[in-house]
Protein backbone atom coordinates (compact mmCIF):
# COMPACT_ATOMS: atom_id res chain seq x y z
CA UNK A 1 21.38 8.36 -19.96
CA UNK A 2 21.60 6.66 -16.57
CA UNK A 3 19.90 3.27 -16.56
CA UNK A 4 17.25 2.85 -13.89
CA UNK A 5 15.18 -0.10 -12.75
CA UNK A 6 12.11 1.35 -11.10
CA UNK A 7 9.85 -0.68 -8.85
CA UNK A 8 6.21 0.11 -8.29
CA UNK A 9 3.18 -1.42 -6.66
CA UNK A 10 0.37 -0.30 -8.90
CA UNK A 11 -3.09 0.82 -7.94
CA UNK A 12 -4.73 0.21 -11.32
CA UNK A 13 -2.56 1.16 -14.29
CA UNK A 14 1.22 0.94 -14.71
CA UNK A 15 3.15 4.09 -13.90
CA UNK A 16 6.08 2.89 -16.03
CA UNK A 17 7.75 -0.21 -17.38
CA UNK A 18 10.05 -1.38 -14.68
CA UNK A 19 9.90 -3.97 -11.95
CA UNK A 20 6.32 -3.62 -10.78
CA UNK A 21 3.54 -5.41 -9.04
CA UNK A 22 -0.08 -4.40 -9.09
CA UNK A 23 -1.85 -4.73 -5.80
CA UNK A 24 -5.27 -5.59 -4.46
CA UNK A 25 -5.47 -4.69 -0.78
CA UNK A 26 -8.65 -4.34 1.27
CA UNK A 27 -8.75 -3.37 4.94
CA UNK A 28 -11.94 -3.55 7.01
CA UNK A 29 -12.07 -1.79 10.36
CA UNK A 30 -14.82 -2.78 12.78
CA UNK A 31 -15.31 -1.62 16.38
CA UNK A 32 -13.21 -4.54 17.63
CA UNK A 33 -10.64 -5.34 14.91
CA UNK A 34 -8.84 -4.49 11.70
CA UNK A 35 -8.63 -7.12 8.95
CA UNK A 36 -6.25 -6.73 6.00
CA UNK A 37 -6.40 -8.92 2.89
CA UNK A 38 -3.87 -8.74 0.06
CA UNK A 39 -3.13 -10.58 -3.16
CA UNK A 40 0.28 -12.19 -3.80
CA UNK A 41 1.48 -11.72 -7.36
CA UNK A 42 4.76 -9.91 -8.02
CA UNK A 43 5.48 -9.30 -11.70
CA UNK A 44 9.04 -8.45 -12.72
CA UNK A 45 8.91 -6.31 -15.85
CA UNK A 46 12.14 -5.76 -17.76
CA UNK A 47 10.58 -3.44 -20.32
CA UNK A 48 11.18 -5.93 -23.17
CA UNK A 49 8.04 -8.00 -22.71
CA UNK A 50 9.92 -10.78 -20.94
CA UNK A 51 8.05 -10.64 -17.64
CA UNK A 52 8.54 -13.09 -14.80
CA UNK A 53 6.41 -13.55 -11.69
CA UNK A 54 6.78 -14.74 -8.15
CA UNK A 55 4.74 -14.83 -4.97
CA UNK A 56 5.24 -11.91 -2.59
CA UNK A 57 3.92 -10.99 0.87
CA UNK A 58 2.48 -7.48 0.65
CA UNK A 59 1.65 -6.94 4.34
CA UNK A 60 4.60 -5.65 6.38
CA UNK A 61 5.19 -5.05 10.08
CA UNK A 62 7.40 -2.76 12.12
CA UNK A 63 6.92 -3.01 15.86
CA UNK A 64 3.22 -3.03 16.71
CA UNK A 65 2.14 -1.40 13.41
CA UNK A 66 1.34 -3.19 10.16
CA UNK A 67 1.45 -1.46 6.79
CA UNK A 68 0.90 -2.02 3.10
CA UNK A 69 1.06 0.30 0.11
CA UNK A 70 0.58 0.86 -3.60
CA UNK A 71 2.49 3.12 -5.99
CA UNK A 72 6.09 4.10 -6.74
CA UNK A 73 8.13 2.59 -3.93
CA UNK A 74 11.64 1.45 -4.85
CA UNK A 75 14.62 2.44 -7.00
CA UNK A 76 17.61 0.15 -6.43
CA UNK A 77 20.10 2.43 -8.18
CA UNK A 78 19.68 5.22 -5.64
CA UNK A 79 18.78 3.06 -2.64
CA UNK A 80 15.30 4.60 -2.34
CA UNK A 81 13.02 2.04 -0.65
CA UNK A 82 9.65 2.81 0.96
CA UNK A 83 9.69 -0.37 3.10
CA UNK A 84 12.95 0.69 4.75
CA UNK A 85 11.85 4.31 5.21
CA UNK A 86 8.54 3.32 6.80
CA UNK A 87 9.98 0.51 8.93
CA UNK A 88 12.65 2.80 10.39
CA UNK A 89 10.13 5.58 11.08
CA UNK A 90 7.67 3.27 12.85
CA UNK A 91 10.19 2.27 15.52
CA UNK A 92 9.79 5.52 17.46
CA UNK A 93 7.47 4.09 20.11
CA UNK A 94 4.99 6.99 20.20
CA UNK A 95 1.21 6.89 19.80
CA UNK A 96 -0.21 5.44 16.58
CA UNK A 97 -1.30 8.80 15.19
CA UNK A 98 1.99 10.55 15.90
CA UNK A 99 4.08 7.62 14.67
CA UNK A 100 2.31 7.13 11.33
CA UNK A 101 2.27 10.90 10.69
CA UNK A 102 6.04 10.93 11.12
CA UNK A 103 6.38 7.91 8.85
CA UNK A 104 4.26 9.62 6.17
CA UNK A 105 6.39 12.77 6.44
CA UNK A 106 9.58 10.69 6.10
CA UNK A 107 8.11 9.19 2.92
CA UNK A 108 7.18 12.65 1.62
CA UNK A 109 10.74 13.91 2.12
CA UNK A 110 12.32 10.80 0.62
CA UNK A 111 9.92 10.81 -2.32
CA UNK A 112 10.58 14.47 -3.03
CA UNK A 113 14.33 13.90 -3.18
CA UNK A 114 13.91 10.83 -5.38
CA UNK A 115 11.57 12.48 -7.89
CA UNK A 116 13.91 15.49 -8.06
CA UNK A 117 16.78 13.11 -8.75
CA UNK A 118 14.84 11.38 -11.51
CA UNK A 119 14.02 14.75 -13.10
CA UNK A 120 17.68 15.76 -13.03
CA UNK A 121 19.30 12.48 -14.10
CA UNK A 122 16.67 11.04 -16.44
CA UNK A 123 14.46 13.95 -17.61
CA UNK A 124 12.77 11.85 -20.31
CA UNK A 125 11.61 9.38 -17.67
CA UNK A 126 10.38 12.21 -15.49
CA UNK A 127 8.47 13.84 -18.35
CA UNK A 128 6.85 10.58 -19.34
CA UNK A 129 5.77 9.34 -15.93
CA UNK A 130 5.77 12.21 -13.44
CA UNK A 131 5.47 15.63 -15.06
CA UNK A 132 1.77 15.55 -15.85
CA UNK A 133 0.76 12.93 -13.29
CA UNK A 134 -2.13 13.85 -11.02
CA UNK A 135 -3.41 12.03 -7.98
CA UNK A 136 -1.45 9.85 -5.60
CA UNK A 137 2.02 8.60 -6.50
CA UNK A 138 1.91 6.36 -3.46
CA UNK A 139 -0.75 5.20 -1.00
CA UNK A 140 0.15 3.76 2.39
CA UNK A 141 -2.19 1.95 4.78
CA UNK A 142 -1.25 1.61 8.47
CA UNK A 143 -3.12 -0.50 11.02
CA UNK A 144 -2.73 -1.32 14.70
CA UNK A 145 -4.66 -1.85 17.93
CA UNK A 146 -4.01 0.68 20.68
CA UNK A 147 -5.68 1.32 24.05
CA UNK A 148 -8.57 -0.99 23.18
CA UNK A 149 -9.24 0.69 19.83
CA UNK A 150 -8.55 -0.62 16.27
CA UNK A 151 -6.56 1.99 14.35
CA UNK A 152 -6.37 2.59 10.58
CA UNK A 153 -4.79 5.44 8.61
CA UNK A 154 -4.42 5.78 4.84
CA UNK A 155 -2.12 8.39 3.29
CA UNK A 156 -2.18 9.57 -0.33
CA UNK A 157 1.27 10.93 -1.21
CA UNK A 158 0.97 13.49 -4.01
CA UNK A 159 3.29 15.55 -6.18
CA UNK A 160 2.60 19.28 -6.15
CA UNK A 161 4.24 22.26 -7.81
CA UNK A 162 6.45 24.33 -5.51
CA UNK A 163 7.88 27.83 -6.00
CA UNK A 164 9.80 28.34 -9.25
CA UNK A 165 8.40 25.06 -10.63
CA UNK A 166 10.23 23.08 -7.98
CA UNK A 167 8.91 19.65 -6.99
CA UNK A 168 7.10 19.36 -3.67
CA UNK A 169 5.17 16.54 -2.05
CA UNK A 170 2.18 16.56 0.24
CA UNK A 171 -0.22 14.02 1.68
CA UNK A 172 -3.91 13.60 2.43
CA UNK A 173 -4.86 11.47 5.43
CA UNK A 174 -7.99 9.43 6.05
CA UNK A 175 -8.02 7.75 9.45
CA UNK A 176 -10.20 6.00 11.99
CA UNK A 177 -10.45 7.19 14.69
CA UNK A 178 -10.46 10.55 12.97
CA UNK A 179 -12.63 10.63 9.86
CA UNK A 180 -15.16 8.07 11.08
CA UNK A 181 -17.61 6.96 13.71
CA UNK A 182 -15.54 4.48 15.75
CA UNK A 183 -18.67 2.39 16.37
CA UNK A 184 -19.18 1.80 12.63
CA UNK A 185 -17.51 -0.68 10.28
CA UNK A 186 -15.71 0.76 7.28
CA UNK A 187 -13.58 -0.48 4.38
CA UNK A 188 -10.37 0.96 2.91
CA UNK A 189 -9.30 0.04 -0.62
CA UNK A 190 -5.88 0.08 -2.25
CA UNK A 191 -6.97 -1.68 -5.40
CA UNK A 192 -8.61 -1.38 -8.79
CA UNK A 193 -12.19 -0.74 -7.71
CA UNK A 194 -13.85 -1.56 -11.02
CA UNK A 195 -14.43 -5.31 -10.41
CA UNK A 196 -15.86 -4.57 -6.96
CA UNK A 197 -18.11 -1.81 -8.27
CA UNK A 198 -19.35 -4.02 -11.12
CA UNK A 199 -20.20 -6.79 -8.65
CA UNK A 200 -22.10 -4.43 -6.36
CA UNK A 201 -24.16 -3.21 -9.31
CA UNK A 202 -25.36 -6.77 -9.85
CA UNK A 203 -25.55 -8.20 -6.36
CA UNK A 204 -25.75 -7.23 -2.72
CA UNK A 205 -22.71 -8.11 -0.66
CA UNK A 206 -23.55 -11.05 1.56
CA UNK A 207 -23.25 -10.79 5.33
CA UNK A 208 -19.99 -12.52 6.28
CA UNK A 209 -17.31 -12.23 8.98
CA UNK A 210 -14.91 -9.38 8.17
CA UNK A 211 -12.10 -11.84 7.34
CA UNK A 212 -14.21 -13.52 4.65
CA UNK A 213 -15.52 -10.20 3.33
CA UNK A 214 -12.04 -8.75 2.88
CA UNK A 215 -10.85 -11.93 1.19
CA UNK A 216 -13.91 -12.03 -1.06
CA UNK A 217 -13.34 -8.45 -2.25
CA UNK A 218 -9.68 -9.11 -3.07
CA UNK A 219 -10.73 -12.30 -4.89
CA UNK A 220 -13.16 -10.27 -7.02
CA UNK A 221 -10.26 -8.18 -8.31
CA UNK A 222 -8.09 -11.24 -8.98
CA UNK A 223 -10.87 -13.20 -10.71
CA UNK A 224 -11.56 -10.22 -12.97
CA UNK A 225 -8.04 -10.88 -14.32
CA UNK A 226 -6.84 -7.47 -13.22
CA UNK A 227 -3.28 -7.27 -14.61
CA UNK A 228 -0.49 -8.35 -12.27
CA UNK A 229 -2.72 -9.50 -9.41
CA UNK A 230 -3.02 -13.13 -8.39
CA UNK A 231 -3.63 -15.69 -5.65
CA UNK A 232 -3.23 -16.74 -2.94
CA UNK A 233 -4.80 -14.12 -0.70
CA UNK A 234 -3.17 -13.36 2.66
CA UNK A 235 -5.52 -12.30 5.46
CA UNK A 236 -4.38 -10.72 8.73
CA UNK A 237 -6.54 -9.92 11.78
CA UNK A 238 -5.51 -7.38 14.43
CA UNK A 239 -7.57 -7.14 17.62
CA UNK A 240 -7.31 -7.02 21.40
CA UNK A 241 -5.64 -10.44 21.47
CA UNK A 242 -2.86 -9.26 19.15
CA UNK A 243 -2.23 -9.95 15.47
CA UNK A 244 -2.68 -13.29 13.74
CA UNK A 245 -2.70 -14.61 10.21
CA UNK A 246 -6.09 -15.97 9.22
CA UNK A 247 -4.56 -17.19 5.95
CA UNK A 248 -1.00 -16.76 4.73
CA UNK A 249 1.49 -18.30 2.36
CA UNK A 250 5.02 -19.38 3.18
CA UNK A 251 6.49 -16.06 2.00
CA UNK A 252 4.72 -14.23 4.85
CA UNK A 253 6.87 -14.62 7.97
CA UNK A 254 5.46 -15.92 11.21
CA UNK A 255 4.33 -12.83 13.12
CA UNK A 256 6.08 -14.04 16.25
CA UNK A 257 9.41 -13.82 14.41
CA UNK A 258 8.97 -10.23 13.29
CA UNK A 259 10.26 -7.14 15.10
CA UNK A 260 8.21 -6.28 18.16
């Protein structure tokens, strides 16, 4: 059997034992900005119970578009890497909607090839973690500010059955503008929602600036001791003045040094 080290950012429960990090990401889009907050813990799982951790920046940038994600994203043995696929696709210089659609399609094609490869080379791994899996294998959140409008799009990448039991991939998209009233404020969650839902059953969310609200919601997930999530929380604001870190650790690069 071919040995594989599989990396995943997990929405709530582990997809497999590999190198993984769970994720708590909250994005809030208002009529004048997008704020993204993310936890920092990266857990390296070797499958033998000898886990190690480190701090990791989970908000990425390519050109004018920021992105973050949760789910199966990296397999070093084959070179499959969602960050590279998305970053390369976002450098096309077209409108936000067109660019992120193309990035999502590039992920769909890459994911399809990778899951097919796993089924062929390590069928036991495929049967255990992919064969019966429903729902999203990967979620990607994109955010930008274009023509005076904050932009957000979330894609759920899913495995579907193709002809002759072949593996196919598709995606569902939720975006604003698109599936929203652009004058409203809305939240997008790539996280285990249970701690947030439990809090809202007990208390009403206090009125706070969007930066503090996003951070507070991520903190709820961390403080609930959700596996493989941890502080500090990075907070990014994108608006008509550009993008700026509200809070960030040393592992998050200065925005001015990233690709424009």
